[in-house]
Amino acid sequence: MDGERPSTPPAGAANGGAPEACAWHALDAAQALAALDTAATGLASADAQARLARHGPNALPEGARRGPWRRFAEQFDNVLVIVLVVAGLVTLALGHTVDTAVIFGVVLVNALIGFVQEGKAERALEAVRAMLPATAVAWRDGVRTSVRAESLVPGDVVFVQSGDRVPADLRLLRARNLRVNEAALTGESLASEKSVDAVVPEAVLGDRTSLLFSGTVVDAGQGSGVVVATGPRTQIGRISALVARVTTLETPLLRRLAAFGRRLAVAIVVVAGATFAFGYLVRGYSAEEMFLAVVGLAVAAIPEGLPAIVTIALALGTQRMAGRNAIVRRLPAV
């Protein structure tokens, strides 16, 4: 095992620089302390403040959030829904209040279902940021003290025990019967046995037994470790950043529904125009009569229930996936 570990700290790690670039699980405890320019007794307060200014607070950044009004407005970004809204406005102008109420009722129910389901997904994603504890126990100025978790920096030495939530990514220095639940990162249902012994650099996340990861929970035992990554540079921070950078793509279902809506809208306009021309020019009906008939034909041709049915089906799929601990941020992703 010793022959597989690097004998010197990785480049860029000295003096607390670029800690996320290091294979900390492959270094022994002494090498990790040397790489971070710290000691088993932690940092001095002045040094911690300087590092905090350099690395930033130990907190997950908030991505761009969709406000409730924007999320609600996006429920109407659909060709069929837009056609329904236009038809509802036309029937309202003609005084057909019952038809107007039915059309707008379907549109509103469809929008509310999507709004509520996507709101639940947004709150589930926000819960990721709540995984970090408010305080931590660390060595500062040679004294074991309670500090704000946000003030932790690479090089701090932190204590954890049963029931604690790990405040940052740590390289273990001491461990006593330490077991940590890492299901949030690895999906493993059983707690992981932790040890101060280094592992091979190629070890996957779940096999890095010499590391504790931010946001995971200590099931049993106690230990201490040196902070190697904070905030967005932690493993949970990288996940949060990936979620925030997700590019919105049009799913096959959305593409097919959009194409169907366009074809249907064109067909309705063509048939309505032909019907108006035939009735007015050939049959001699008045323009007002034919206009009312054409509007009725257009409204009848629109499948008012389709957006609601699609939304309900996607919402049910979202609930089933949530039962399997899968978060769906937007309904079409189902």
C-alpha atoms as a PDB file:
ATOM      1  CA  MET A   1       0.000   0.000   0.000  1.00  0.00           C
ATOM      2  CA  ASP A   2       2.795   2.435   0.936  1.00  0.00           C
ATOM      3  CA  GLY A   3       4.451   1.899  -2.436  1.00  0.00           C
ATOM      4  CA  GLU A   4       1.271   3.068  -4.187  1.00  0.00           C
ATOM      5  CA  ARG A   5       0.974   6.346  -2.303  1.00  0.00           C
ATOM      6  CA  PRO A   6       2.708   9.540  -3.401  1.00  0.00           C
ATOM      7  CA  SER A   7       5.672  10.344  -1.183  1.00  0.00           C
ATOM      8  CA  THR A   8       5.174  14.107  -1.483  1.00  0.00           C
ATOM      9  CA  PRO A   9       2.097  16.272  -1.432  1.00  0.00           C
ATOM     10  CA  PRO A  10       0.544  16.946  -4.849  1.00  0.00           C
ATOM     11  CA  ALA A  11       1.567  20.129  -6.586  1.00  0.00           C
ATOM     12  CA  GLY A  12      -0.466  23.151  -5.637  1.00  0.00           C
ATOM     13  CA  ALA A  13      -1.494  21.755  -2.252  1.00  0.00           C
ATOM     14  CA  ALA A  14       1.122  23.479  -0.166  1.00  0.00           C
ATOM     15  CA  ASN A  15       0.078  26.420   1.962  1.00  0.00           C
ATOM     16  CA  GLY A  16      -3.554  25.491   1.665  1.00  0.00           C
ATOM     17  CA  GLY A  17      -3.683  26.190  -2.087  1.00  0.00           C
ATOM     18  CA  ALA A  18      -6.062  24.342  -4.456  1.00  0.00           C
ATOM     19  CA  PRO A  19      -6.898  21.590  -1.952  1.00  0.00           C
ATOM     20  CA  GLU A  20      -9.609  20.154  -4.187  1.00  0.00           C
ATOM     21  CA  ALA A  21      -6.919  19.097  -6.706  1.00  0.00           C
ATOM     22  CA  CYS A  22      -5.322  16.592  -4.315  1.00  0.00           C
ATOM     23  CA  ALA A  23      -5.954  12.882  -3.856  1.00  0.00           C
ATOM     24  CA  TRP A  24      -6.240  13.302  -0.096  1.00  0.00           C
ATOM     25  CA  HIS A  25      -7.349   9.712   0.454  1.00  0.00           C
ATOM     26  CA  ALA A  26      -3.975   8.529  -0.921  1.00  0.00           C
ATOM     27  CA  LEU A  27      -1.906  10.618   1.514  1.00  0.00           C
ATOM     28  CA  ASP A  28      -1.195   9.552   5.051  1.00  0.00           C
ATOM     29  CA  ALA A  29      -2.182  11.860   7.906  1.00  0.00           C
ATOM     30  CA  ALA A  30       1.230  13.493   8.231  1.00  0.00           C
ATOM     31  CA  GLN A  31       1.428  14.220   4.510  1.00  0.00           C
ATOM     32  CA  ALA A  32      -2.061  15.759   4.544  1.00  0.00           C
ATOM     33  CA  LEU A  33      -1.138  18.058   7.443  1.00  0.00           C
ATOM     34  CA  ALA A  34       2.071  19.089   5.711  1.00  0.00           C
ATOM     35  CA  ALA A  35       0.264  19.729   2.419  1.00  0.00           C
ATOM     36  CA  LEU A  36      -2.171  22.052   4.172  1.00  0.00           C
ATOM     37  CA  ASP A  37       0.558  23.770   6.210  1.00  0.00           C
ATOM     38  CA  THR A  38      -1.165  22.965   9.489  1.00  0.00           C
ATOM     39  CA  ALA A  39      -0.743  20.762  12.550  1.00  0.00           C
ATOM     40  CA  ALA A  40      -2.798  18.298  14.583  1.00  0.00           C
ATOM     41  CA  THR A  41      -3.541  21.174  16.976  1.00  0.00           C
ATOM     42  CA  GLY A  42      -5.267  23.170  14.234  1.00  0.00           C
ATOM     43  CA  LEU A  43      -4.855  26.764  13.116  1.00  0.00           C
ATOM     44  CA  ALA A  44      -4.358  30.075  14.832  1.00  0.00           C
ATOM     45  CA  SER A  45      -7.316  32.439  14.583  1.00  0.00           C
ATOM     46  CA  ALA A  46      -5.372  34.936  12.468  1.00  0.00           C
ATOM     47  CA  ASP A  47      -4.336  32.205  10.028  1.00  0.00           C
ATOM     48  CA  ALA A  48      -7.923  30.924   9.859  1.00  0.00           C
ATOM     49  CA  GLN A  49      -9.196  34.426   9.041  1.00  0.00           C
ATOM     50  CA  ALA A  50      -6.632  34.827   6.266  1.00  0.00           C
ATOM     51  CA  ARG A  51      -7.587  31.470   4.761  1.00  0.00           C
ATOM     52  CA  LEU A  52     -11.279  32.322   5.037  1.00  0.00           C
ATOM     53  CA  ALA A  53     -10.669  35.456   2.962  1.00  0.00           C
ATOM     54  CA  ARG A  54      -8.807  33.360   0.382  1.00  0.00           C
ATOM     55  CA  HIS A  55     -11.131  30.340   0.140  1.00  0.00           C
ATOM     56  CA  GLY A  56     -14.457  31.920   1.013  1.00  0.00           C
ATOM     57  CA  PRO A  57     -17.088  30.688   3.489  1.00  0.00           C
ATOM     58  CA  ASN A  58     -17.866  27.023   3.940  1.00  0.00           C
ATOM     59  CA  ALA A  59     -21.328  27.278   2.384  1.00  0.00           C
ATOM     60  CA  LEU A  60     -22.983  26.077  -0.780  1.00  0.00           C
ATOM     61  CA  PRO A  61     -23.728  28.904  -3.216  1.00  0.00           C
ATOM     62  CA  GLU A  62     -27.311  29.461  -4.225  1.00  0.00           C
ATOM     63  CA  GLY A  63     -27.971  29.084  -7.918  1.00  0.00           C
ATOM     64  CA  ALA A  64     -30.366  31.218  -9.911  1.00  0.00           C
ATOM     65  CA  ARG A  65     -33.819  30.606  -8.505  1.00  0.00           C
ATOM     66  CA  ARG A  66     -37.088  30.721 -10.372  1.00  0.00           C
ATOM     67  CA  GLY A  67     -39.564  32.833  -8.473  1.00  0.00           C
ATOM     68  CA  PRO A  68     -43.111  31.543  -8.004  1.00  0.00           C
ATOM     69  CA  TRP A  69     -44.522  33.947 -10.596  1.00  0.00           C
ATOM     70  CA  ARG A  70     -42.004  32.885 -13.214  1.00  0.00           C
ATOM     71  CA  ARG A  71     -42.578  29.214 -12.435  1.00  0.00           C
ATOM     72  CA  PHE A  72     -46.342  29.738 -12.782  1.00  0.00           C
ATOM     73  CA  ALA A  73     -45.971  31.702 -16.047  1.00  0.00           C
ATOM     74  CA  GLU A  74     -43.827  28.920 -17.549  1.00  0.00           C
ATOM     75  CA  GLN A  75     -46.778  26.539 -17.241  1.00  0.00           C
ATOM     76  CA  PHE A  76     -48.407  28.453 -20.135  1.00  0.00           C
ATOM     77  CA  ASP A  77     -45.411  27.996 -22.451  1.00  0.00           C
ATOM     78  CA  ASN A  78     -47.234  25.463 -24.615  1.00  0.00           C
ATOM     79  CA  VAL A  79     -48.803  25.840 -28.069  1.00  0.00           C
ATOM     80  CA  LEU A  80     -52.064  24.122 -27.139  1.00  0.00           C
ATOM     81  CA  VAL A  81     -52.399  26.131 -23.933  1.00  0.00           C
ATOM     82  CA  ILE A  82     -51.821  29.379 -25.860  1.00  0.00           C
ATOM     83  CA  VAL A  83     -54.475  28.379 -28.413  1.00  0.00           C
ATOM     84  CA  LEU A  84     -56.858  27.609 -25.555  1.00  0.00           C
ATOM     85  CA  VAL A  85     -56.228  30.993 -23.963  1.00  0.00           C
ATOM     86  CA  VAL A  86     -56.899  32.759 -27.279  1.00  0.00           C
ATOM     87  CA  ALA A  87     -60.074  30.723 -27.767  1.00  0.00           C
ATOM     88  CA  GLY A  88     -61.174  31.595 -24.245  1.00  0.00           C
ATOM     89  CA  LEU A  89     -60.654  35.295 -24.885  1.00  0.00           C
ATOM     90  CA  VAL A  90     -62.639  35.085 -28.130  1.00  0.00           C
ATOM     91  CA  THR A  91     -65.565  33.290 -26.456  1.00  0.00           C
ATOM     92  CA  LEU A  92     -65.463  35.860 -23.650  1.00  0.00           C
ATOM     93  CA  ALA A  93     -65.657  38.683 -26.180  1.00  0.00           C
ATOM     94  CA  LEU A  94     -68.656  36.983 -27.801  1.00  0.00           C
ATOM     95  CA  GLY A  95     -70.424  36.682 -24.451  1.00  0.00           C
ATOM     96  CA  HIS A  96     -70.249  32.875 -24.167  1.00  0.00           C
ATOM     97  CA  THR A  97     -69.377  32.906 -20.468  1.00  0.00           C
ATOM     98  CA  VAL A  98     -69.988  29.184 -19.863  1.00  0.00           C
ATOM     99  CA  ASP A  99     -67.561  28.171 -22.627  1.00  0.00           C
ATOM    100  CA  THR A 100     -65.074  30.744 -21.360  1.00  0.00           C
ATOM    101  CA  ALA A 101     -65.276  29.414 -17.805  1.00  0.00           C
ATOM    102  CA  VAL A 102     -64.736  25.806 -18.947  1.00  0.00           C
ATOM    103  CA  ILE A 103     -61.741  26.682 -21.138  1.00  0.00           C
ATOM    104  CA  PHE A 104     -60.021  28.851 -18.553  1.00  0.00           C
ATOM    105  CA  GLY A 105     -60.828  26.303 -15.825  1.00  0.00           C
ATOM    106  CA  VAL A 106     -58.962  23.582 -17.739  1.00  0.00           C
ATOM    107  CA  VAL A 107     -56.016  25.912 -18.387  1.00  0.00           C
ATOM    108  CA  LEU A 108     -55.844  26.964 -14.732  1.00  0.00           C
ATOM    109  CA  VAL A 109     -56.029  23.415 -13.358  1.00  0.00           C
ATOM    110  CA  ASN A 110     -53.277  22.353 -15.757  1.00  0.00           C
ATOM    111  CA  ALA A 111     -51.057  25.255 -14.661  1.00  0.00           C
ATOM    112  CA  LEU A 112     -51.664  24.679 -10.943  1.00  0.00           C
ATOM    113  CA  ILE A 113     -50.754  20.972 -11.134  1.00  0.00           C
ATOM    114  CA  GLY A 114     -47.464  21.740 -12.866  1.00  0.00           C
ATOM    115  CA  PHE A 115     -46.741  24.661 -10.523  1.00  0.00           C
ATOM    116  CA  VAL A 116     -47.240  22.584  -7.363  1.00  0.00           C
ATOM    117  CA  GLN A 117     -45.196  19.602  -8.579  1.00  0.00           C
ATOM    118  CA  GLU A 118     -42.253  21.719  -9.742  1.00  0.00           C
ATOM    119  CA  GLY A 119     -42.403  23.662  -6.463  1.00  0.00           C
ATOM    120  CA  LYS A 120     -41.928  20.426  -4.527  1.00  0.00           C
ATOM    121  CA  ALA A 121     -38.886  19.589  -6.646  1.00  0.00           C
ATOM    122  CA  GLU A 122     -37.395  23.060  -6.080  1.00  0.00           C
ATOM    123  CA  ARG A 123     -37.783  22.667  -2.307  1.00  0.00           C
ATOM    124  CA  ALA A 124     -36.141  19.235  -2.444  1.00  0.00           C
ATOM    125  CA  LEU A 125     -33.130  20.738  -4.197  1.00  0.00           C
ATOM    126  CA  GLU A 126     -32.937  23.571  -1.674  1.00  0.00           C
ATOM    127  CA  ALA A 127     -32.785  20.928   1.051  1.00  0.00           C
ATOM    128  CA  VAL A 128     -29.322  19.953  -0.248  1.00  0.00           C
ATOM    129  CA  ARG A 129     -27.957  23.261   1.065  1.00  0.00           C
ATOM    130  CA  ALA A 130     -29.501  22.529   4.460  1.00  0.00           C
ATOM    131  CA  MET A 131     -27.321  19.418   4.807  1.00  0.00           C
ATOM    132  CA  LEU A 132     -24.470  21.457   6.282  1.00  0.00           C
ATOM    133  CA  PRO A 133     -24.534  21.893  10.076  1.00  0.00           C
ATOM    134  CA  ALA A 134     -24.601  25.322  11.709  1.00  0.00           C
ATOM    135  CA  THR A 135     -21.658  24.711  14.067  1.00  0.00           C
ATOM    136  CA  ALA A 136     -18.615  22.475  14.376  1.00  0.00           C
ATOM    137  CA  VAL A 137     -16.034  21.623  17.038  1.00  0.00           C
ATOM    138  CA  ALA A 138     -12.485  22.517  15.954  1.00  0.00           C
ATOM    139  CA  TRP A 139      -9.034  23.368  17.286  1.00  0.00           C
ATOM    140  CA  ARG A 140      -8.408  27.121  17.227  1.00  0.00           C
ATOM    141  CA  ASP A 141      -5.382  28.678  18.938  1.00  0.00           C
ATOM    142  CA  GLY A 142      -4.645  25.302  20.499  1.00  0.00           C
ATOM    143  CA  VAL A 143      -8.065  25.183  22.179  1.00  0.00           C
ATOM    144  CA  ARG A 144     -10.943  22.888  21.323  1.00  0.00           C
ATOM    145  CA  THR A 145     -13.859  25.237  20.662  1.00  0.00           C
ATOM    146  CA  SER A 146     -17.215  25.487  18.911  1.00  0.00           C
ATOM    147  CA  VAL A 147     -17.122  27.574  15.721  1.00  0.00           C
ATOM    148  CA  ARG A 148     -19.576  28.421  12.982  1.00  0.00           C
ATOM    149  CA  ALA A 149     -19.405  25.769  10.269  1.00  0.00           C
ATOM    150  CA  GLU A 150     -19.288  28.554   7.662  1.00  0.00           C
ATOM    151  CA  SER A 151     -15.976  29.766   9.122  1.00  0.00           C
ATOM    152  CA  LEU A 152     -14.145  26.457   8.607  1.00  0.00           C
ATOM    153  CA  VAL A 153     -11.183  26.593   6.217  1.00  0.00           C
ATOM    154  CA  PRO A 154      -8.740  24.070   4.731  1.00  0.00           C
ATOM    155  CA  GLY A 155      -6.287  23.216   7.494  1.00  0.00           C
ATOM    156  CA  ASP A 156      -8.762  23.350  10.379  1.00  0.00           C
ATOM    157  CA  VAL A 157      -8.844  20.234  12.568  1.00  0.00           C
ATOM    158  CA  VAL A 158     -12.435  19.185  13.313  1.00  0.00           C
ATOM    159  CA  PHE A 159     -13.915  16.686  15.793  1.00  0.00           C
ATOM    160  CA  VAL A 160     -16.948  14.538  14.973  1.00  0.00           C
ATOM    161  CA  GLN A 161     -18.886  11.969  16.965  1.00  0.00           C
ATOM    162  CA  SER A 162     -22.017   9.855  16.739  1.00  0.00           C
ATOM    163  CA  GLY A 163     -25.008  11.905  15.578  1.00  0.00           C
ATOM    164  CA  ASP A 164     -22.939  14.735  14.074  1.00  0.00           C
ATOM    165  CA  ARG A 165     -23.272  15.893  10.497  1.00  0.00           C
ATOM    166  CA  VAL A 166     -19.842  16.281   8.893  1.00  0.00           C
ATOM    167  CA  PRO A 167     -19.294  20.045   8.296  1.00  0.00           C
ATOM    168  CA  ALA A 168     -16.701  19.821   5.483  1.00  0.00           C
ATOM    169  CA  ASP A 169     -14.636  17.278   3.571  1.00  0.00           C
ATOM    170  CA  LEU A 170     -12.098  15.891   6.060  1.00  0.00           C
ATOM    171  CA  ARG A 171      -8.960  13.735   5.871  1.00  0.00           C
ATOM    172  CA  LEU A 172      -9.107  11.566   8.998  1.00  0.00           C
ATOM    173  CA  LEU A 173      -6.356  11.952  11.597  1.00  0.00           C
ATOM    174  CA  ARG A 174      -7.913   9.770  14.301  1.00  0.00           C
ATOM    175  CA  ALA A 175     -10.824   7.329  14.246  1.00  0.00           C
ATOM    176  CA  ARG A 176     -12.382   5.189  16.942  1.00  0.00           C
ATOM    177  CA  ASN A 177     -15.060   2.727  15.802  1.00  0.00           C
ATOM    178  CA  LEU A 178     -16.110   5.363  13.291  1.00  0.00           C
ATOM    179  CA  ARG A 179     -18.978   4.551  10.925  1.00  0.00           C
ATOM    180  CA  VAL A 180     -20.553   7.153   8.626  1.00  0.00           C
ATOM    181  CA  ASN A 181     -23.762   7.064   6.599  1.00  0.00           C
ATOM    182  CA  GLU A 182     -22.804   8.244   3.106  1.00  0.00           C
ATOM    183  CA  ALA A 183     -26.044   7.316   1.335  1.00  0.00           C
ATOM    184  CA  ALA A 184     -26.515  10.916   0.161  1.00  0.00           C
ATOM    185  CA  LEU A 185     -23.350  10.587  -1.959  1.00  0.00           C
ATOM    186  CA  THR A 186     -22.823   6.914  -2.695  1.00  0.00           C
ATOM    187  CA  GLY A 187     -26.330   5.441  -2.386  1.00  0.00           C
ATOM    188  CA  GLU A 188     -25.024   2.775  -0.007  1.00  0.00           C
ATOM    189  CA  SER A 189     -27.638   1.915   2.605  1.00  0.00           C
ATOM    190  CA  LEU A 190     -25.079   0.588   5.112  1.00  0.00           C
ATOM    191  CA  ALA A 191     -22.758   2.857   7.060  1.00  0.00           C
ATOM    192  CA  SER A 192     -19.166   2.991   5.847  1.00  0.00           C
ATOM    193  CA  GLU A 193     -16.349   1.891   8.182  1.00  0.00           C
ATOM    194  CA  LYS A 194     -13.753   4.654   8.421  1.00  0.00           C
ATOM    195  CA  SER A 195     -10.023   4.389   9.044  1.00  0.00           C
ATOM    196  CA  VAL A 196      -6.999   6.712   9.127  1.00  0.00           C
ATOM    197  CA  ASP A 197      -5.134   4.420   6.701  1.00  0.00           C
ATOM    198  CA  ALA A 198      -4.556   5.824   3.214  1.00  0.00           C
ATOM    199  CA  VAL A 199      -6.021   4.038   0.183  1.00  0.00           C
ATOM    200  CA  VAL A 200      -4.927   3.818  -3.446  1.00  0.00           C
ATOM    201  CA  PRO A 201      -5.350   7.001  -5.527  1.00  0.00           C
ATOM    202  CA  GLU A 202      -7.736   5.200  -7.909  1.00  0.00           C
ATOM    203  CA  ALA A 203     -10.243   4.382  -5.145  1.00  0.00           C
ATOM    204  CA  VAL A 204     -13.805   5.353  -6.003  1.00  0.00           C
ATOM    205  CA  LEU A 205     -15.772   7.665  -3.742  1.00  0.00           C
ATOM    206  CA  GLY A 206     -17.330   4.915  -1.648  1.00  0.00           C
ATOM    207  CA  ASP A 207     -13.945   3.269  -1.019  1.00  0.00           C
ATOM    208  CA  ARG A 208     -12.171   6.395   0.227  1.00  0.00           C
ATOM    209  CA  THR A 209     -12.363   5.235   3.815  1.00  0.00           C
ATOM    210  CA  SER A 210      -9.823   7.805   5.015  1.00  0.00           C
ATOM    211  CA  LEU A 211     -12.115  10.686   4.080  1.00  0.00           C
ATOM    212  CA  LEU A 212     -15.293  12.110   5.605  1.00  0.00           C
ATOM    213  CA  PHE A 213     -17.579  14.016   3.270  1.00  0.00           C
ATOM    214  CA  SER A 214     -19.520  17.168   3.985  1.00  0.00           C
ATOM    215  CA  GLY A 215     -23.211  16.587   4.721  1.00  0.00           C
ATOM    216  CA  THR A 216     -22.867  12.906   5.665  1.00  0.00           C
ATOM    217  CA  VAL A 217     -23.913  11.694   9.121  1.00  0.00           C
ATOM    218  CA  VAL A 218     -21.777   9.932  11.740  1.00  0.00           C
ATOM    219  CA  ASP A 219     -23.671   6.781  12.761  1.00  0.00           C
ATOM    220  CA  ALA A 220     -21.274   5.597  15.446  1.00  0.00           C
ATOM    221  CA  GLY A 221     -17.884   6.255  17.014  1.00  0.00           C
ATOM    222  CA  GLN A 222     -15.822   9.400  17.009  1.00  0.00           C
ATOM    223  CA  GLY A 223     -12.821  10.875  15.265  1.00  0.00           C
ATOM    224  CA  SER A 224     -11.026  13.967  14.085  1.00  0.00           C
ATOM    225  CA  GLY A 225      -9.847  15.120  10.703  1.00  0.00           C
ATOM    226  CA  VAL A 226      -8.244  18.005   8.884  1.00  0.00           C
ATOM    227  CA  VAL A 227     -10.446  20.029   6.537  1.00  0.00           C
ATOM    228  CA  VAL A 228      -9.339  19.496   2.931  1.00  0.00           C
ATOM    229  CA  ALA A 229     -12.256  21.134   1.073  1.00  0.00           C
ATOM    230  CA  THR A 230     -15.026  23.556   1.956  1.00  0.00           C
ATOM    231  CA  GLY A 231     -18.163  24.957   0.358  1.00  0.00           C
ATOM    232  CA  PRO A 232     -18.458  24.443  -3.409  1.00  0.00           C
ATOM    233  CA  ARG A 233     -15.192  22.437  -3.493  1.00  0.00           C
ATOM    234  CA  THR A 234     -16.654  19.613  -1.382  1.00  0.00           C
ATOM    235  CA  GLN A 235     -18.227  16.570  -2.980  1.00  0.00           C
ATOM    236  CA  ILE A 236     -21.745  17.740  -2.059  1.00  0.00           C
ATOM    237  CA  GLY A 237     -20.812  21.209  -3.344  1.00  0.00           C
ATOM    238  CA  ARG A 238     -19.852  19.777  -6.718  1.00  0.00           C
ATOM    239  CA  ILE A 239     -23.217  18.028  -6.931  1.00  0.00           C
ATOM    240  CA  SER A 240     -24.980  21.299  -6.104  1.00  0.00           C
ATOM    241  CA  ALA A 241     -22.964  23.110  -8.786  1.00  0.00           C
ATOM    242  CA  LEU A 242     -23.791  20.474 -11.401  1.00  0.00           C
ATOM    243  CA  VAL A 243     -27.484  20.821 -10.627  1.00  0.00           C
ATOM    244  CA  ALA A 244     -27.258  24.614 -10.897  1.00  0.00           C
ATOM    245  CA  ARG A 245     -25.554  24.345 -14.319  1.00  0.00           C
ATOM    246  CA  VAL A 246     -28.096  21.958 -15.802  1.00  0.00           C
ATOM    247  CA  THR A 247     -28.951  23.026 -19.334  1.00  0.00           C
ATOM    248  CA  THR A 248     -32.648  23.030 -20.137  1.00  0.00           C
ATOM    249  CA  LEU A 249     -33.239  20.638 -23.026  1.00  0.00           C
ATOM    250  CA  GLU A 250     -36.439  19.889 -24.871  1.00  0.00           C
ATOM    251  CA  THR A 251     -37.433  16.294 -24.184  1.00  0.00           C
ATOM    252  CA  PRO A 252     -38.788  14.023 -26.956  1.00  0.00           C
ATOM    253  CA  LEU A 253     -42.242  14.285 -25.371  1.00  0.00           C
ATOM    254  CA  LEU A 254     -42.162  18.090 -25.457  1.00  0.00           C
ATOM    255  CA  ARG A 255     -40.948  18.080 -29.069  1.00  0.00           C
ATOM    256  CA  ARG A 256     -43.756  15.758 -30.141  1.00  0.00           C
ATOM    257  CA  LEU A 257     -46.387  17.749 -28.244  1.00  0.00           C
ATOM    258  CA  ALA A 258     -45.086  21.008 -29.742  1.00  0.00           C
ATOM    259  CA  ALA A 259     -45.138  19.528 -33.258  1.00  0.00           C
ATOM    260  CA  PHE A 260     -48.640  18.164 -32.669  1.00  0.00           C
ATOM    261  CA  GLY A 261     -49.810  21.551 -31.384  1.00  0.00           C
ATOM    262  CA  ARG A 262     -48.400  23.365 -34.413  1.00  0.00           C
ATOM    263  CA  ARG A 263     -49.964  20.930 -36.870  1.00  0.00           C
ATOM    264  CA  LEU A 264     -53.273  21.080 -35.028  1.00  0.00           C
ATOM    265  CA  ALA A 265     -53.237  24.895 -34.931  1.00  0.00           C
ATOM    266  CA  VAL A 266     -52.534  25.097 -38.681  1.00  0.00           C
ATOM    267  CA  ALA A 267     -55.250  22.531 -39.428  1.00  0.00           C
ATOM    268  CA  ILE A 268     -57.786  24.422 -37.294  1.00  0.00           C
ATOM    269  CA  VAL A 269     -56.998  27.729 -39.024  1.00  0.00           C
ATOM    270  CA  VAL A 270     -57.227  26.164 -42.501  1.00  0.00           C
ATOM    271  CA  VAL A 271     -60.483  24.316 -41.808  1.00  0.00           C
ATOM    272  CA  ALA A 272     -62.012  27.318 -40.042  1.00  0.00           C
ATOM    273  CA  GLY A 273     -61.075  29.616 -42.925  1.00  0.00           C
ATOM    274  CA  ALA A 274     -62.456  27.203 -45.505  1.00  0.00           C
ATOM    275  CA  THR A 275     -65.675  26.789 -43.510  1.00  0.00           C
ATOM    276  CA  PHE A 276     -66.122  30.556 -43.181  1.00  0.00           C
ATOM    277  CA  ALA A 277     -65.524  31.082 -46.897  1.00  0.00           C
ATOM    278  CA  PHE A 278     -67.888  28.263 -47.896  1.00  0.00           C
ATOM    279  CA  GLY A 279     -70.705  29.418 -45.614  1.00  0.00           C
ATOM    280  CA  TYR A 280     -70.352  33.113 -46.439  1.00  0.00           C
ATOM    281  CA  LEU A 281     -69.656  32.921 -50.167  1.00  0.00           C
ATOM    282  CA  VAL A 282     -71.480  29.746 -51.241  1.00  0.00           C
ATOM    283  CA  ARG A 283     -74.333  29.349 -48.763  1.00  0.00           C
ATOM    284  CA  GLY A 284     -74.984  33.026 -48.212  1.00  0.00           C
ATOM    285  CA  TYR A 285     -74.828  33.093 -44.427  1.00  0.00           C
ATOM    286  CA  SER A 286     -74.001  36.385 -42.784  1.00  0.00           C
ATOM    287  CA  ALA A 287     -70.443  37.112 -41.686  1.00  0.00           C
ATOM    288  CA  GLU A 288     -71.485  37.268 -38.013  1.00  0.00           C
ATOM    289  CA  GLU A 289     -73.190  33.847 -38.146  1.00  0.00           C
ATOM    290  CA  MET A 290     -70.244  32.246 -39.855  1.00  0.00           C
ATOM    291  CA  PHE A 291     -67.798  33.849 -37.426  1.00  0.00           C
ATOM    292  CA  LEU A 292     -69.647  32.365 -34.443  1.00  0.00           C
ATOM    293  CA  ALA A 293     -69.791  28.989 -36.173  1.00  0.00           C
ATOM    294  CA  VAL A 294     -66.071  29.087 -36.972  1.00  0.00           C
ATOM    295  CA  VAL A 295     -65.162  30.014 -33.383  1.00  0.00           C
ATOM    296  CA  GLY A 296     -67.295  27.148 -32.082  1.00  0.00           C
ATOM    297  CA  LEU A 297     -65.597  24.788 -34.539  1.00  0.00           C
ATOM    298  CA  ALA A 298     -62.116  25.959 -33.501  1.00  0.00           C
ATOM    299  CA  VAL A 299     -62.839  25.601 -29.780  1.00  0.00           C
ATOM    300  CA  ALA A 300     -64.376  22.159 -30.309  1.00  0.00           C
ATOM    301  CA  ALA A 301     -61.354  21.013 -32.320  1.00  0.00           C
ATOM    302  CA  ILE A 302     -58.879  21.874 -29.545  1.00  0.00           C
ATOM    303  CA  PRO A 303     -58.299  18.961 -27.144  1.00  0.00           C
ATOM    304  CA  GLU A 304     -58.753  20.992 -23.955  1.00  0.00           C
ATOM    305  CA  GLY A 305     -58.082  17.971 -21.777  1.00  0.00           C
ATOM    306  CA  LEU A 306     -54.748  17.046 -23.393  1.00  0.00           C
ATOM    307  CA  PRO A 307     -52.495  19.491 -21.451  1.00  0.00           C
ATOM    308  CA  ALA A 308     -54.211  18.525 -18.195  1.00  0.00           C
ATOM    309  CA  ILE A 309     -53.935  14.806 -18.937  1.00  0.00           C
ATOM    310  CA  VAL A 310     -50.248  15.087 -19.850  1.00  0.00           C
ATOM    311  CA  THR A 311     -49.513  17.153 -16.733  1.00  0.00           C
ATOM    312  CA  ILE A 312     -51.363  14.726 -14.452  1.00  0.00           C
ATOM    313  CA  ALA A 313     -49.528  11.751 -15.992  1.00  0.00           C
ATOM    314  CA  LEU A 314     -46.164  13.472 -15.501  1.00  0.00           C
ATOM    315  CA  ALA A 315     -47.095  14.457 -11.945  1.00  0.00           C
ATOM    316  CA  LEU A 316     -47.920  10.843 -11.105  1.00  0.00           C
ATOM    317  CA  GLY A 317     -44.588   9.784 -12.600  1.00  0.00           C
ATOM    318  CA  THR A 318     -42.821  12.408 -10.488  1.00  0.00           C
ATOM    319  CA  GLN A 319     -44.446  11.051  -7.320  1.00  0.00           C
ATOM    320  CA  ARG A 320     -43.418   7.495  -8.193  1.00  0.00           C
ATOM    321  CA  MET A 321     -39.824   8.599  -8.761  1.00  0.00           C
ATOM    322  CA  ALA A 322     -39.864  10.597  -5.521  1.00  0.00           C
ATOM    323  CA  GLY A 323     -40.853   7.362  -3.766  1.00  0.00           C
ATOM    324  CA  ARG A 324     -37.549   5.971  -5.035  1.00  0.00           C
ATOM    325  CA  ASN A 325     -35.616   9.027  -3.807  1.00  0.00           C
ATOM    326  CA  ALA A 326     -35.192  10.551  -7.278  1.00  0.00           C
ATOM    327  CA  ILE A 327     -35.723  14.324  -7.483  1.00  0.00           C
ATOM    328  CA  VAL A 328     -37.316  15.588 -10.709  1.00  0.00           C
ATOM    329  CA  ARG A 329     -36.935  19.336 -11.019  1.00  0.00           C
ATOM    330  CA  ARG A 330     -39.198  19.800 -14.041  1.00  0.00           C
ATOM    331  CA  LEU A 331     -42.127  17.603 -14.994  1.00  0.00           C
ATOM    332  CA  PRO A 332     -41.158  16.876 -18.647  1.00  0.00           C
ATOM    333  CA  ALA A 333     -37.945  15.226 -17.406  1.00  0.00           C
ATOM    334  CA  VAL A 334     -40.066  12.270 -16.231  1.00  0.00           C
END
